[in-house]
Amino acid sequence: MADPYMRDFQGRLKRIERIHKRGGGFEAAGTLGRSAYRQPAQKRSLMRPLILVLGCAVMLKAGLYAQIGPVDYAERVDRLRQGTEVEQIGAYVMQADAVTIAISDFLKELFKTPV
């Protein structure tokens, strides 16, 4: 017949081993251990990544607009408009707007090389 105290002892040992495997149980009672420094999970906003992606897209458009010029840029966007549905969406996204033109003018001035 199994000793009930031994079964209880073995259960406590298994529980302690599980806690140790998860990285806990190494704190003395009354001390500030890892659990005292854990911060609650913060709810993250999707605004920061969205603004980053939109900013990169505008900078890409402005760089292309500054590099190839307004006439060639407009021709390429018109070619996209005549393509498939995906290309038409790309043409809508890549069309030159006031922000793109302003940033491209700034980039032209910024990277102007003295002759």
C-alpha atoms as a PDB file:
ATOM      1  CA  MET A   1       0.000   0.000   0.000  1.00  0.00           C
ATOM      2  CA  ALA A   2       1.335   3.436  -0.963  1.00  0.00           C
ATOM      3  CA  ASP A   3       2.056   5.989   1.710  1.00  0.00           C
ATOM      4  CA  PRO A   4      -0.333   8.992   1.327  1.00  0.00           C
ATOM      5  CA  TYR A   5       2.321  11.356   2.643  1.00  0.00           C
ATOM      6  CA  MET A   6       4.785  10.180   0.012  1.00  0.00           C
ATOM      7  CA  ARG A   7       2.201  10.743  -2.746  1.00  0.00           C
ATOM      8  CA  ASP A   8       1.599  14.275  -1.453  1.00  0.00           C
ATOM      9  CA  PHE A   9       5.362  14.882  -1.307  1.00  0.00           C
ATOM     10  CA  GLN A  10       5.860  13.657  -4.893  1.00  0.00           C
ATOM     11  CA  GLY A  11       3.030  15.915  -6.087  1.00  0.00           C
ATOM     12  CA  ARG A  12       4.665  18.938  -4.457  1.00  0.00           C
ATOM     13  CA  LEU A  13       8.005  18.047  -6.068  1.00  0.00           C
ATOM     14  CA  LYS A  14       6.407  17.830  -9.529  1.00  0.00           C
ATOM     15  CA  ARG A  15       4.718  21.206  -8.991  1.00  0.00           C
ATOM     16  CA  ILE A  16       8.014  22.805  -7.970  1.00  0.00           C
ATOM     17  CA  GLU A  17       9.825  21.304 -10.975  1.00  0.00           C
ATOM     18  CA  ARG A  18       7.117  22.668 -13.320  1.00  0.00           C
ATOM     19  CA  ILE A  19       7.502  26.133 -11.804  1.00  0.00           C
ATOM     20  CA  HIS A  20      11.293  25.949 -12.178  1.00  0.00           C
ATOM     21  CA  LYS A  21      11.015  24.890 -15.833  1.00  0.00           C
ATOM     22  CA  ARG A  22       8.882  27.984 -16.487  1.00  0.00           C
ATOM     23  CA  GLY A  23      11.556  30.153 -14.873  1.00  0.00           C
ATOM     24  CA  GLY A  24       9.882  30.813 -11.566  1.00  0.00           C
ATOM     25  CA  GLY A  25      10.420  29.817  -7.988  1.00  0.00           C
ATOM     26  CA  PHE A  26      13.901  31.259  -7.580  1.00  0.00           C
ATOM     27  CA  GLU A  27      12.833  34.096  -5.305  1.00  0.00           C
ATOM     28  CA  ALA A  28      13.096  34.157  -1.553  1.00  0.00           C
ATOM     29  CA  ALA A  29       9.966  35.106   0.337  1.00  0.00           C
ATOM     30  CA  GLY A  30       9.754  38.855   0.981  1.00  0.00           C
ATOM     31  CA  THR A  31      12.282  39.874  -1.702  1.00  0.00           C
ATOM     32  CA  LEU A  32      11.735  41.721  -4.966  1.00  0.00           C
ATOM     33  CA  GLY A  33      12.209  39.133  -7.677  1.00  0.00           C
ATOM     34  CA  ARG A  34      11.285  38.890 -11.350  1.00  0.00           C
ATOM     35  CA  SER A  35       7.578  39.033 -10.669  1.00  0.00           C
ATOM     36  CA  ALA A  36       7.911  42.464  -9.010  1.00  0.00           C
ATOM     37  CA  TYR A  37       9.370  43.990 -12.170  1.00  0.00           C
ATOM     38  CA  ARG A  38       6.948  42.595 -14.731  1.00  0.00           C
ATOM     39  CA  GLN A  39       4.880  45.251 -16.391  1.00  0.00           C
ATOM     40  CA  PRO A  40       1.346  44.503 -17.467  1.00  0.00           C
ATOM     41  CA  ALA A  41       0.891  43.900 -21.177  1.00  0.00           C
ATOM     42  CA  GLN A  42       0.182  47.108 -23.024  1.00  0.00           C
ATOM     43  CA  LYS A  43      -2.388  47.356 -25.760  1.00  0.00           C
ATOM     44  CA  ARG A  44      -0.546  48.384 -28.890  1.00  0.00           C
ATOM     45  CA  SER A  45      -1.984  50.728 -31.422  1.00  0.00           C
ATOM     46  CA  LEU A  46      -1.891  50.077 -35.156  1.00  0.00           C
ATOM     47  CA  MET A  47      -1.478  53.780 -35.895  1.00  0.00           C
ATOM     48  CA  ARG A  48       2.332  53.817 -35.651  1.00  0.00           C
ATOM     49  CA  PRO A  49       2.920  51.050 -38.230  1.00  0.00           C
ATOM     50  CA  LEU A  50       0.203  52.471 -40.486  1.00  0.00           C
ATOM     51  CA  ILE A  51       1.769  55.939 -40.437  1.00  0.00           C
ATOM     52  CA  LEU A  52       5.194  54.413 -41.079  1.00  0.00           C
ATOM     53  CA  VAL A  53       3.953  52.494 -44.140  1.00  0.00           C
ATOM     54  CA  LEU A  54       2.126  55.527 -45.534  1.00  0.00           C
ATOM     55  CA  GLY A  55       5.176  57.724 -44.966  1.00  0.00           C
ATOM     56  CA  CYS A  56       7.419  55.229 -46.781  1.00  0.00           C
ATOM     57  CA  ALA A  57       4.979  55.060 -49.696  1.00  0.00           C
ATOM     58  CA  VAL A  58       4.871  58.853 -50.016  1.00  0.00           C
ATOM     59  CA  MET A  59       8.677  59.053 -49.839  1.00  0.00           C
ATOM     60  CA  LEU A  60       8.968  56.378 -52.536  1.00  0.00           C
ATOM     61  CA  LYS A  61       6.554  58.251 -54.776  1.00  0.00           C
ATOM     62  CA  ALA A  62       8.366  61.545 -54.179  1.00  0.00           C
ATOM     63  CA  GLY A  63      11.742  59.966 -54.904  1.00  0.00           C
ATOM     64  CA  LEU A  64      10.498  58.489 -58.168  1.00  0.00           C
ATOM     65  CA  TYR A  65       8.816  61.752 -59.132  1.00  0.00           C
ATOM     66  CA  ALA A  66      12.003  63.716 -58.442  1.00  0.00           C
ATOM     67  CA  GLN A  67      14.209  61.208 -60.274  1.00  0.00           C
ATOM     68  CA  ILE A  68      12.287  60.647 -63.513  1.00  0.00           C
ATOM     69  CA  GLY A  69      10.456  63.964 -63.811  1.00  0.00           C
ATOM     70  CA  PRO A  70       6.774  64.887 -63.979  1.00  0.00           C
ATOM     71  CA  VAL A  71       6.190  64.093 -67.666  1.00  0.00           C
ATOM     72  CA  ASP A  72       7.686  60.603 -67.627  1.00  0.00           C
ATOM     73  CA  TYR A  73       6.054  59.878 -64.261  1.00  0.00           C
ATOM     74  CA  ALA A  74       2.621  60.831 -65.638  1.00  0.00           C
ATOM     75  CA  GLU A  75       3.182  58.611 -68.702  1.00  0.00           C
ATOM     76  CA  ARG A  76       4.022  55.626 -66.531  1.00  0.00           C
ATOM     77  CA  VAL A  77       0.980  56.154 -64.311  1.00  0.00           C
ATOM     78  CA  ASP A  78      -1.205  56.406 -67.445  1.00  0.00           C
ATOM     79  CA  ARG A  79       0.218  53.084 -68.659  1.00  0.00           C
ATOM     80  CA  LEU A  80      -0.687  51.558 -65.328  1.00  0.00           C
ATOM     81  CA  ARG A  81      -4.257  52.866 -65.645  1.00  0.00           C
ATOM     82  CA  GLN A  82      -4.672  50.886 -68.873  1.00  0.00           C
ATOM     83  CA  GLY A  83      -3.559  47.594 -67.300  1.00  0.00           C
ATOM     84  CA  THR A  84      -5.231  44.986 -65.137  1.00  0.00           C
ATOM     85  CA  GLU A  85      -7.263  45.745 -62.034  1.00  0.00           C
ATOM     86  CA  VAL A  86      -4.204  45.430 -59.809  1.00  0.00           C
ATOM     87  CA  GLU A  87      -2.270  47.824 -62.039  1.00  0.00           C
ATOM     88  CA  GLN A  88      -5.182  50.264 -61.956  1.00  0.00           C
ATOM     89  CA  ILE A  89      -5.095  50.200 -58.158  1.00  0.00           C
ATOM     90  CA  GLY A  90      -1.352  50.823 -58.377  1.00  0.00           C
ATOM     91  CA  ALA A  91      -1.995  53.778 -60.686  1.00  0.00           C
ATOM     92  CA  TYR A  92      -4.464  55.231 -58.210  1.00  0.00           C
ATOM     93  CA  VAL A  93      -1.946  54.878 -55.386  1.00  0.00           C
ATOM     94  CA  MET A  94       0.986  56.192 -57.428  1.00  0.00           C
ATOM     95  CA  GLN A  95      -0.723  59.235 -58.933  1.00  0.00           C
ATOM     96  CA  ALA A  96       1.065  62.462 -58.086  1.00  0.00           C
ATOM     97  CA  ASP A  97      -0.568  64.501 -55.348  1.00  0.00           C
ATOM     98  CA  ALA A  98       0.347  67.804 -53.705  1.00  0.00           C
ATOM     99  CA  VAL A  99       2.331  66.170 -50.883  1.00  0.00           C
ATOM    100  CA  THR A 100       4.345  64.048 -53.316  1.00  0.00           C
ATOM    101  CA  ILE A 101       5.185  67.044 -55.503  1.00  0.00           C
ATOM    102  CA  ALA A 102       6.176  69.171 -52.494  1.00  0.00           C
ATOM    103  CA  ILE A 103       8.447  66.462 -51.087  1.00  0.00           C
ATOM    104  CA  SER A 104       9.979  65.818 -54.520  1.00  0.00           C
ATOM    105  CA  ASP A 105      10.781  69.542 -54.868  1.00  0.00           C
ATOM    106  CA  PHE A 106      12.423  69.421 -51.432  1.00  0.00           C
ATOM    107  CA  LEU A 107      14.414  66.329 -52.446  1.00  0.00           C
ATOM    108  CA  LYS A 108      15.574  68.020 -55.658  1.00  0.00           C
ATOM    109  CA  GLU A 109      16.862  70.974 -53.651  1.00  0.00           C
ATOM    110  CA  LEU A 110      18.414  68.727 -51.038  1.00  0.00           C
ATOM    111  CA  PHE A 111      20.341  66.584 -53.515  1.00  0.00           C
ATOM    112  CA  LYS A 112      21.215  69.331 -55.966  1.00  0.00           C
ATOM    113  CA  THR A 113      24.879  68.984 -56.866  1.00  0.00           C
ATOM    114  CA  PRO A 114      26.916  72.081 -57.603  1.00  0.00           C
ATOM    115  CA  VAL A 115      28.135  72.169 -61.186  1.00  0.00           C
END
